[in-house]
């Protein structure tokens, strides 16, 4: 299954979810997702897409920037 572009924020949401999952892996020191990583990724993306459709004022670019800034700090 591939993730479909639903909103104008889809690409940013996908980047955000990838970064969140990568940070979780680094913090834990192991991959908690294993073989189900793609399913977890797709579900998280779809959840955020739905949130974006329900609340179009969310600025996903800022959320992504905050997440990556937290990683650097």
PDB file of N, CA and C in Angstrom:
ATOM      1  N   UNK A   1       0.838  -1.172   0.000  1.00  0.00           N
ATOM      2  CA  UNK A   1       0.000   0.000   0.000  1.00  0.00           C
ATOM      3  C   UNK A   1       0.887   1.240   0.000  1.00  0.00           C
ATOM      4  N   UNK A   2       0.546   2.201  -0.796  1.00  0.00           N
ATOM      5  CA  UNK A   2       1.280   3.452  -0.822  1.00  0.00           C
ATOM      6  C   UNK A   2       0.416   4.553  -0.229  1.00  0.00           C
ATOM      7  N   UNK A   3       1.080   5.529   0.335  1.00  0.00           N
ATOM      8  CA  UNK A   3       0.373   6.637   0.950  1.00  0.00           C
ATOM      9  C   UNK A   3      -0.041   7.615  -0.138  1.00  0.00           C
ATOM     10  N   UNK A   4      -1.277   8.036  -0.081  1.00  0.00           N
ATOM     11  CA  UNK A   4      -1.834   8.926  -1.090  1.00  0.00           C
ATOM     12  C   UNK A   4      -1.753  10.372  -0.620  1.00  0.00           C
ATOM     13  N   UNK A   5      -1.542  11.262  -1.565  1.00  0.00           N
ATOM     14  CA  UNK A   5      -1.549  12.691  -1.265  1.00  0.00           C
ATOM     15  C   UNK A   5      -3.001  13.115  -1.096  1.00  0.00           C
ATOM     16  N   UNK A   6      -3.345  13.571   0.100  1.00  0.00           N
ATOM     17  CA  UNK A   6      -4.720  13.949   0.391  1.00  0.00           C
ATOM     18  C   UNK A   6      -4.865  15.454   0.519  1.00  0.00           C
ATOM     19  N   UNK A   7      -3.921  16.077   1.193  1.00  0.00           N
ATOM     20  CA  UNK A   7      -4.013  17.512   1.425  1.00  0.00           C
ATOM     21  C   UNK A   7      -2.755  18.196   0.917  1.00  0.00           C
ATOM     22  N   UNK A   8      -2.770  19.503   0.975  1.00  0.00           N
ATOM     23  CA  UNK A   8      -1.590  20.250   0.522  1.00  0.00           C
ATOM     24  C   UNK A   8      -0.419  20.051   1.479  1.00  0.00           C
ATOM     25  N   UNK A   9      -0.693  19.482   2.638  1.00  0.00           N
ATOM     26  CA  UNK A   9       0.344  19.236   3.638  1.00  0.00           C
ATOM     27  C   UNK A   9       0.861  17.807   3.615  1.00  0.00           C
ATOM     28  N   UNK A  10       0.394  16.996   2.706  1.00  0.00           N
ATOM     29  CA  UNK A  10       0.717  15.570   2.711  1.00  0.00           C
ATOM     30  C   UNK A  10       2.209  15.281   2.747  1.00  0.00           C
ATOM     31  N   UNK A  11       2.969  15.953   1.934  1.00  0.00           N
ATOM     32  CA  UNK A  11       4.416  15.677   1.892  1.00  0.00           C
ATOM     33  C   UNK A  11       5.080  16.052   3.223  1.00  0.00           C
ATOM     34  N   UNK A  12       4.677  17.159   3.804  1.00  0.00           N
ATOM     35  CA  UNK A  12       5.240  17.559   5.090  1.00  0.00           C
ATOM     36  C   UNK A  12       4.829  16.589   6.186  1.00  0.00           C
ATOM     37  N   UNK A  13       3.595  16.154   6.165  1.00  0.00           N
ATOM     38  CA  UNK A  13       3.123  15.176   7.147  1.00  0.00           C
ATOM     39  C   UNK A  13       3.933  13.889   7.028  1.00  0.00           C
ATOM     40  N   UNK A  14       4.199  13.449   5.816  1.00  0.00           N
ATOM     41  CA  UNK A  14       4.992  12.234   5.619  1.00  0.00           C
ATOM     42  C   UNK A  14       6.404  12.416   6.173  1.00  0.00           C
ATOM     43  N   UNK A  15       7.023  13.576   5.934  1.00  0.00           N
ATOM     44  CA  UNK A  15       8.352  13.857   6.478  1.00  0.00           C
ATOM     45  C   UNK A  15       8.308  13.877   7.999  1.00  0.00           C
ATOM     46  N   UNK A  16       7.268  14.485   8.557  1.00  0.00           N
ATOM     47  CA  UNK A  16       7.111  14.577  10.000  1.00  0.00           C
ATOM     48  C   UNK A  16       7.024  13.190  10.625  1.00  0.00           C
ATOM     49  N   UNK A  17       6.214  12.331  10.063  1.00  0.00           N
ATOM     50  CA  UNK A  17       6.051  10.977  10.604  1.00  0.00           C
ATOM     51  C   UNK A  17       7.354  10.185  10.497  1.00  0.00           C
ATOM     52  N   UNK A  18       8.047  10.300   9.372  1.00  0.00           N
ATOM     53  CA  UNK A  18       9.339   9.607   9.233  1.00  0.00           C
ATOM     54  C   UNK A  18      10.310  10.073  10.317  1.00  0.00           C
ATOM     55  N   UNK A  19      10.360  11.388  10.531  1.00  0.00           N
ATOM     56  CA  UNK A  19      11.262  11.945  11.536  1.00  0.00           C
ATOM     57  C   UNK A  19      10.860  11.493  12.948  1.00  0.00           C
ATOM     58  N   UNK A  20       9.564  11.489  13.245  1.00  0.00           N
ATOM     59  CA  UNK A  20       9.090  11.031  14.553  1.00  0.00           C
ATOM     60  C   UNK A  20       9.510   9.586  14.795  1.00  0.00           C
ATOM     61  N   UNK A  21       9.303   8.756  13.812  1.00  0.00           N
ATOM     62  CA  UNK A  21       9.647   7.342  13.961  1.00  0.00           C
ATOM     63  C   UNK A  21      11.151   7.166  14.105  1.00  0.00           C
ATOM     64  N   UNK A  22      11.931   7.917  13.352  1.00  0.00           N
ATOM     65  CA  UNK A  22      13.385   7.821  13.444  1.00  0.00           C
ATOM     66  C   UNK A  22      13.864   8.254  14.824  1.00  0.00           C
ATOM     67  N   UNK A  23      13.272   9.320  15.355  1.00  0.00           N
ATOM     68  CA  UNK A  23      13.654   9.775  16.688  1.00  0.00           C
ATOM     69  C   UNK A  23      13.289   8.738  17.756  1.00  0.00           C
ATOM     70  N   UNK A  24      12.147   8.091  17.602  1.00  0.00           N
ATOM     71  CA  UNK A  24      11.752   7.039  18.538  1.00  0.00           C
ATOM     72  C   UNK A  24      12.756   5.894  18.520  1.00  0.00           C
ATOM     73  N   UNK A  25      13.190   5.513  17.325  1.00  0.00           N
ATOM     74  CA  UNK A  25      14.178   4.436  17.188  1.00  0.00           C
ATOM     75  C   UNK A  25      15.481   4.832  17.870  1.00  0.00           C
ATOM     76  N   UNK A  26      15.932   6.068  17.639  1.00  0.00           N
ATOM     77  CA  UNK A  26      17.187   6.522  18.228  1.00  0.00           C
ATOM     78  C   UNK A  26      17.097   6.629  19.751  1.00  0.00           C
ATOM     79  N   UNK A  27      15.963   7.107  20.258  1.00  0.00           N
ATOM     80  CA  UNK A  27      15.803   7.249  21.705  1.00  0.00           C
ATOM     81  C   UNK A  27      15.756   5.895  22.402  1.00  0.00           C
ATOM     82  N   UNK A  28      15.116   4.923  21.770  1.00  0.00           N
ATOM     83  CA  UNK A  28      14.990   3.596  22.383  1.00  0.00           C
ATOM     84  C   UNK A  28      16.244   2.746  22.191  1.00  0.00           C
ATOM     85  N   UNK A  29      16.990   3.030  21.126  1.00  0.00           N
ATOM     86  CA  UNK A  29      18.177   2.239  20.836  1.00  0.00           C
ATOM     87  C   UNK A  29      17.879   0.972  20.072  1.00  0.00           C
ATOM     88  N   UNK A  30      16.625   0.789  19.681  1.00  0.00           N
ATOM     89  CA  UNK A  30      16.244  -0.356  18.853  1.00  0.00           C
ATOM     90  C   UNK A  30      14.985   0.028  18.067  1.00  0.00           C
ATOM     91  N   UNK A  31      14.668  -0.776  17.071  1.00  0.00           N
ATOM     92  CA  UNK A  31      13.512  -0.511  16.221  1.00  0.00           C
ATOM     93  C   UNK A  31      12.281  -1.217  16.787  1.00  0.00           C
ATOM     94  N   UNK A  32      11.373  -0.475  17.440  1.00  0.00           N
ATOM     95  CA  UNK A  32      10.198  -1.113  18.025  1.00  0.00           C
ATOM     96  C   UNK A  32       9.141  -1.504  16.995  1.00  0.00           C
ATOM     97  N   UNK A  33       9.307  -1.058  15.766  1.00  0.00           N
ATOM     98  CA  UNK A  33       8.300  -1.270  14.737  1.00  0.00           C
ATOM     99  C   UNK A  33       8.507  -2.566  13.967  1.00  0.00           C
ATOM    100  N   UNK A  34       9.769  -2.966  13.832  1.00  0.00           N
ATOM    101  CA  UNK A  34      10.088  -4.208  13.136  1.00  0.00           C
ATOM    102  C   UNK A  34       9.456  -4.298  11.759  1.00  0.00           C
ATOM    103  N   UNK A  35       8.891  -5.462  11.468  1.00  0.00           N
ATOM    104  CA  UNK A  35       8.287  -5.697  10.160  1.00  0.00           C
ATOM    105  C   UNK A  35       7.024  -4.866   9.931  1.00  0.00           C
ATOM    106  N   UNK A  36       6.436  -4.339  10.987  1.00  0.00           N
ATOM    107  CA  UNK A  36       5.203  -3.562  10.861  1.00  0.00           C
ATOM    108  C   UNK A  36       5.438  -2.073  10.688  1.00  0.00           C
ATOM    109  N   UNK A  37       6.688  -1.674  10.456  1.00  0.00           N
ATOM    110  CA  UNK A  37       7.016  -0.247  10.356  1.00  0.00           C
ATOM    111  C   UNK A  37       6.211   0.457   9.276  1.00  0.00           C
ATOM    112  N   UNK A  38       6.056  -0.166   8.127  1.00  0.00           N
ATOM    113  CA  UNK A  38       5.321   0.468   7.028  1.00  0.00           C
ATOM    114  C   UNK A  38       3.854   0.677   7.412  1.00  0.00           C
ATOM    115  N   UNK A  39       3.272  -0.303   8.074  1.00  0.00           N
ATOM    116  CA  UNK A  39       1.876  -0.178   8.509  1.00  0.00           C
ATOM    117  C   UNK A  39       1.715   0.934   9.546  1.00  0.00           C
ATOM    118  N   UNK A  40       2.665   1.005  10.484  1.00  0.00           N
ATOM    119  CA  UNK A  40       2.622   2.057  11.503  1.00  0.00           C
ATOM    120  C   UNK A  40       2.761   3.421  10.838  1.00  0.00           C
ATOM    121  N   UNK A  41       3.708   3.516   9.919  1.00  0.00           N
ATOM    122  CA  UNK A  41       3.934   4.768   9.183  1.00  0.00           C
ATOM    123  C   UNK A  41       2.660   5.208   8.465  1.00  0.00           C
ATOM    124  N   UNK A  42       2.065   4.309   7.711  1.00  0.00           N
ATOM    125  CA  UNK A  42       0.868   4.651   6.941  1.00  0.00           C
ATOM    126  C   UNK A  42      -0.291   5.059   7.850  1.00  0.00           C
ATOM    127  N   UNK A  43      -0.446   4.362   8.973  1.00  0.00           N
ATOM    128  CA  UNK A  43      -1.532   4.700   9.898  1.00  0.00           C
ATOM    129  C   UNK A  43      -1.320   6.081  10.508  1.00  0.00           C
ATOM    130  N   UNK A  44      -0.087   6.363  10.901  1.00  0.00           N
ATOM    131  CA  UNK A  44       0.203   7.680  11.479  1.00  0.00           C
ATOM    132  C   UNK A  44      -0.023   8.797  10.457  1.00  0.00           C
ATOM    133  N   UNK A  45       0.411   8.566   9.231  1.00  0.00           N
ATOM    134  CA  UNK A  45       0.199   9.567   8.182  1.00  0.00           C
ATOM    135  C   UNK A  45      -1.292   9.803   7.971  1.00  0.00           C
ATOM    136  N   UNK A  46      -2.051   8.739   7.887  1.00  0.00           N
ATOM    137  CA  UNK A  46      -3.488   8.887   7.663  1.00  0.00           C
ATOM    138  C   UNK A  46      -4.166   9.590   8.846  1.00  0.00           C
ATOM    139  N   UNK A  47      -3.726   9.299  10.065  1.00  0.00           N
ATOM    140  CA  UNK A  47      -4.283   9.974  11.238  1.00  0.00           C
ATOM    141  C   UNK A  47      -4.014  11.478  11.180  1.00  0.00           C
ATOM    142  N   UNK A  48      -2.785  11.845  10.818  1.00  0.00           N
ATOM    143  CA  UNK A  48      -2.457  13.267  10.727  1.00  0.00           C
ATOM    144  C   UNK A  48      -3.151  13.931   9.541  1.00  0.00           C
ATOM    145  N   UNK A  49      -3.329  13.204   8.448  1.00  0.00           N
ATOM    146  CA  UNK A  49      -4.083  13.734   7.308  1.00  0.00           C
ATOM    147  C   UNK A  49      -5.512  14.055   7.740  1.00  0.00           C
ATOM    148  N   UNK A  50      -6.114  13.142   8.501  1.00  0.00           N
ATOM    149  CA  UNK A  50      -7.478  13.375   8.978  1.00  0.00           C
ATOM    150  C   UNK A  50      -7.503  14.580   9.909  1.00  0.00           C
ATOM    151  N   UNK A  51      -6.507  14.672  10.774  1.00  0.00           N
ATOM    152  CA  UNK A  51      -6.423  15.824  11.675  1.00  0.00           C
ATOM    153  C   UNK A  51      -6.276  17.119  10.872  1.00  0.00           C
ATOM    154  N   UNK A  52      -5.506  17.059   9.804  1.00  0.00           N
ATOM    155  CA  UNK A  52      -5.314  18.221   8.940  1.00  0.00           C
ATOM    156  C   UNK A  52      -6.613  18.624   8.256  1.00  0.00           C
ATOM    157  N   UNK A  53      -7.381  17.639   7.824  1.00  0.00           N
ATOM    158  CA  UNK A  53      -8.665  17.939   7.184  1.00  0.00           C
ATOM    159  C   UNK A  53      -9.664  18.505   8.195  1.00  0.00           C
ATOM    160  N   UNK A  54      -9.606  18.017   9.430  1.00  0.00           N
ATOM    161  CA  UNK A  54     -10.504  18.499  10.471  1.00  0.00           C
ATOM    162  C   UNK A  54     -10.115  19.887  10.974  1.00  0.00           C
ATOM    163  N   UNK A  55      -8.821  20.184  10.923  1.00  0.00           N
ATOM    164  CA  UNK A  55      -8.327  21.470  11.401  1.00  0.00           C
ATOM    165  C   UNK A  55      -7.324  22.023  10.390  1.00  0.00           C
ATOM    166  N   UNK A  56      -7.807  22.724   9.374  1.00  0.00           N
ATOM    167  CA  UNK A  56      -6.920  23.204   8.306  1.00  0.00           C
ATOM    168  C   UNK A  56      -5.941  24.290   8.751  1.00  0.00           C
ATOM    169  N   UNK A  57      -6.064  24.786   9.977  1.00  0.00           N
ATOM    170  CA  UNK A  57      -5.167  25.832  10.459  1.00  0.00           C
ATOM    171  C   UNK A  57      -3.849  25.292  10.987  1.00  0.00           C
ATOM    172  N   UNK A  58      -3.714  23.983  11.099  1.00  0.00           N
ATOM    173  CA  UNK A  58      -2.460  23.396  11.577  1.00  0.00           C
ATOM    174  C   UNK A  58      -1.378  23.653  10.539  1.00  0.00           C
ATOM    175  N   UNK A  59      -0.263  24.185  11.005  1.00  0.00           N
ATOM    176  CA  UNK A  59       0.870  24.432  10.116  1.00  0.00           C
ATOM    177  C   UNK A  59       1.881  23.303  10.312  1.00  0.00           C
ATOM    178  N   UNK A  60       1.841  22.324   9.444  1.00  0.00           N
ATOM    179  CA  UNK A  60       2.681  21.139   9.565  1.00  0.00           C
ATOM    180  C   UNK A  60       4.146  21.452   9.312  1.00  0.00           C
ATOM    181  N   UNK A  61       4.422  22.489   8.530  1.00  0.00           N
ATOM    182  CA  UNK A  61       5.815  22.881   8.314  1.00  0.00           C
ATOM    183  C   UNK A  61       6.450  23.327   9.629  1.00  0.00           C
ATOM    184  N   UNK A  62       5.693  24.065  10.433  1.00  0.00           N
ATOM    185  CA  UNK A  62       6.201  24.511  11.732  1.00  0.00           C
ATOM    186  C   UNK A  62       6.388  23.317  12.659  1.00  0.00           C
ATOM    187  N   UNK A  63       5.428  22.406  12.665  1.00  0.00           N
ATOM    188  CA  UNK A  63       5.550  21.217  13.513  1.00  0.00           C
ATOM    189  C   UNK A  63       6.789  20.403  13.126  1.00  0.00           C
ATOM    190  N   UNK A  64       7.051  20.276  11.832  1.00  0.00           N
ATOM    191  CA  UNK A  64       8.231  19.550  11.376  1.00  0.00           C
ATOM    192  C   UNK A  64       9.495  20.287  11.803  1.00  0.00           C
ATOM    193  N   UNK A  65       9.512  21.602  11.627  1.00  0.00           N
ATOM    194  CA  UNK A  65      10.679  22.404  12.017  1.00  0.00           C
ATOM    195  C   UNK A  65      10.950  22.294  13.513  1.00  0.00           C
ATOM    196  N   UNK A  66       9.902  22.334  14.321  1.00  0.00           N
ATOM    197  CA  UNK A  66      10.061  22.197  15.764  1.00  0.00           C
ATOM    198  C   UNK A  66      10.633  20.827  16.121  1.00  0.00           C
ATOM    199  N   UNK A  67      10.163  19.799  15.457  1.00  0.00           N
ATOM    200  CA  UNK A  67      10.646  18.449  15.728  1.00  0.00           C
ATOM    201  C   UNK A  67      12.115  18.305  15.371  1.00  0.00           C
ATOM    202  N   UNK A  68      12.497  18.815  14.232  1.00  0.00           N
ATOM    203  CA  UNK A  68      13.892  18.689  13.817  1.00  0.00           C
ATOM    204  C   UNK A  68      14.791  19.599  14.646  1.00  0.00           C
ATOM    205  N   UNK A  69      14.289  20.745  15.085  1.00  0.00           N
ATOM    206  CA  UNK A  69      15.073  21.638  15.956  1.00  0.00           C
ATOM    207  C   UNK A  69      15.322  20.957  17.301  1.00  0.00           C
ATOM    208  N   UNK A  70      14.305  20.232  17.781  1.00  0.00           N
ATOM    209  CA  UNK A  70      14.440  19.499  19.040  1.00  0.00           C
ATOM    210  C   UNK A  70      15.528  18.423  18.917  1.00  0.00           C
ATOM    211  N   UNK A  71      15.628  17.834  17.759  1.00  0.00           N
ATOM    212  CA  UNK A  71      16.609  16.773  17.522  1.00  0.00           C
ATOM    213  C   UNK A  71      18.028  17.340  17.575  1.00  0.00           C
ATOM    214  N   UNK A  72      18.198  18.519  16.998  1.00  0.00           N
ATOM    215  CA  UNK A  72      19.519  19.151  16.933  1.00  0.00           C
ATOM    216  C   UNK A  72      19.951  19.622  18.308  1.00  0.00           C
ATOM    217  N   UNK A  73      19.000  20.106  19.100  1.00  0.00           N
ATOM    218  CA  UNK A  73      19.331  20.688  20.414  1.00  0.00           C
ATOM    219  C   UNK A  73      19.825  19.671  21.398  1.00  0.00           C
TER     220      UNK A  73
END
